[in-house]
Amino acid sequence: MFLRQLSQGLPTDGKVQKGPHNLRHTFGRRLRSARVPLETRRVLMHHVDGDVTVHYSPAELAELKEAVESITQIEQVTMLRAAVWNLRRCVNT
């Protein structure tokens, strides 16, 4: 039952290898997508070293984008937009 649920959404076209190793990657990535902390993922995946866990659950593109955008907000205006606005203000004066 658990393996069947975990394997849902995996490619079935034959281009992707199937097996327990790929299920570990799927499990790790889904845990990370659910924002499960690294330490909890490490324990669930029976890893001694957190670096191995990171290998099985790398950051997704959406997560990286969200992280960058979280530090670029200045009063609801992105830094890039603020820079363009400042440039236009300097040119128009």
Protein backbone atom coordinates (compact mmCIF):
# COMPACT_ATOMS: atom_id res chain seq x y z
CA MET A 1 0.00 0.00 0.00
CA PHE A 2 2.69 2.53 1.03
CA LEU A 3 4.92 1.78 -1.98
CA ARG A 4 1.95 2.03 -4.33
CA GLN A 5 1.04 5.47 -2.95
CA LEU A 6 4.66 6.63 -3.07
CA SER A 7 5.07 5.51 -6.67
CA GLN A 8 2.02 7.45 -7.87
CA GLY A 9 3.09 10.23 -10.18
CA LEU A 10 6.31 8.50 -11.28
CA PRO A 11 6.96 8.36 -15.04
CA THR A 12 5.75 5.16 -16.67
CA ASP A 13 7.16 5.61 -20.18
CA GLY A 14 10.13 3.33 -19.57
CA LYS A 15 12.70 6.13 -19.86
CA VAL A 16 13.12 6.30 -16.08
CA GLN A 17 14.56 3.42 -14.14
CA LYS A 18 12.28 2.02 -11.50
CA GLY A 19 13.23 0.48 -8.20
CA PRO A 20 13.84 1.13 -4.53
CA HIS A 21 16.61 3.65 -5.20
CA ASN A 22 14.34 5.93 -7.22
CA LEU A 23 11.62 5.54 -4.61
CA ARG A 24 14.10 6.86 -2.03
CA HIS A 25 14.66 9.95 -4.19
CA THR A 26 10.90 10.39 -4.59
CA PHE A 27 10.34 9.96 -0.86
CA GLY A 28 13.08 12.50 -0.02
CA ARG A 29 11.86 15.06 -2.55
CA ARG A 30 8.26 14.75 -1.41
CA LEU A 31 9.31 15.19 2.22
CA ARG A 32 11.22 18.35 1.28
CA SER A 33 8.30 19.65 -0.79
CA ALA A 34 6.13 19.19 2.29
CA ARG A 35 8.67 21.37 4.18
CA VAL A 36 9.70 18.56 6.50
CA PRO A 37 12.87 19.71 8.33
CA LEU A 38 16.22 18.18 7.28
CA GLU A 39 16.75 16.42 10.62
CA THR A 40 13.35 14.73 10.37
CA ARG A 41 13.99 13.71 6.75
CA ARG A 42 17.39 12.32 7.77
CA VAL A 43 15.81 10.14 10.45
CA LEU A 44 12.95 8.97 8.22
CA MET A 45 15.41 7.99 5.50
CA HIS A 46 17.73 6.25 8.00
CA HIS A 47 20.74 8.42 7.10
CA VAL A 48 23.57 9.02 9.54
CA ASP A 49 24.87 12.00 7.56
CA GLY A 50 22.60 14.90 6.57
CA ASP A 51 24.64 15.42 3.37
CA VAL A 52 23.33 12.10 2.06
CA THR A 53 19.79 13.23 2.82
CA VAL A 54 20.36 16.45 0.87
CA HIS A 55 21.51 14.31 -2.09
CA TYR A 56 18.15 12.51 -2.02
CA SER A 57 16.13 15.69 -1.56
CA PRO A 58 17.73 18.60 -3.46
CA ALA A 59 16.11 22.01 -3.55
CA GLU A 60 13.45 22.37 -6.22
CA LEU A 61 13.48 25.36 -8.57
CA ALA A 62 10.32 26.84 -7.01
CA GLU A 63 11.91 26.64 -3.55
CA LEU A 64 15.05 28.42 -4.76
CA LYS A 65 13.01 31.13 -6.46
CA GLU A 66 10.92 31.64 -3.32
CA ALA A 67 14.09 31.92 -1.20
CA VAL A 68 15.59 34.61 -3.46
CA GLU A 69 12.35 36.55 -3.70
CA SER A 70 11.94 36.45 0.09
CA ILE A 71 15.05 38.62 0.48
CA THR A 72 14.40 40.96 -2.43
CA GLN A 73 11.18 42.53 -1.19
CA ILE A 74 11.34 46.20 -0.22
CA GLU A 75 7.91 47.51 0.71
CA GLN A 76 6.25 45.18 -1.83
CA VAL A 77 8.64 46.32 -4.58
CA THR A 78 11.44 44.04 -5.72
CA MET A 79 15.00 45.34 -5.54
CA LEU A 80 15.22 45.28 -9.34
CA ARG A 81 12.10 47.39 -9.70
CA ALA A 82 13.38 49.75 -7.00
CA ALA A 83 16.68 50.11 -8.90
CA VAL A 84 14.86 50.88 -12.16
CA TRP A 85 12.63 53.37 -10.38
CA ASN A 86 15.69 55.10 -8.85
CA LEU A 87 17.41 55.18 -12.23
CA ARG A 88 14.39 56.74 -13.89
CA ARG A 89 14.15 59.29 -11.09
CA CYS A 90 17.81 60.26 -11.58
CA VAL A 91 17.42 60.56 -15.37
CA ASN A 92 14.30 62.72 -15.07
CA THR A 93 15.87 65.24 -12.68
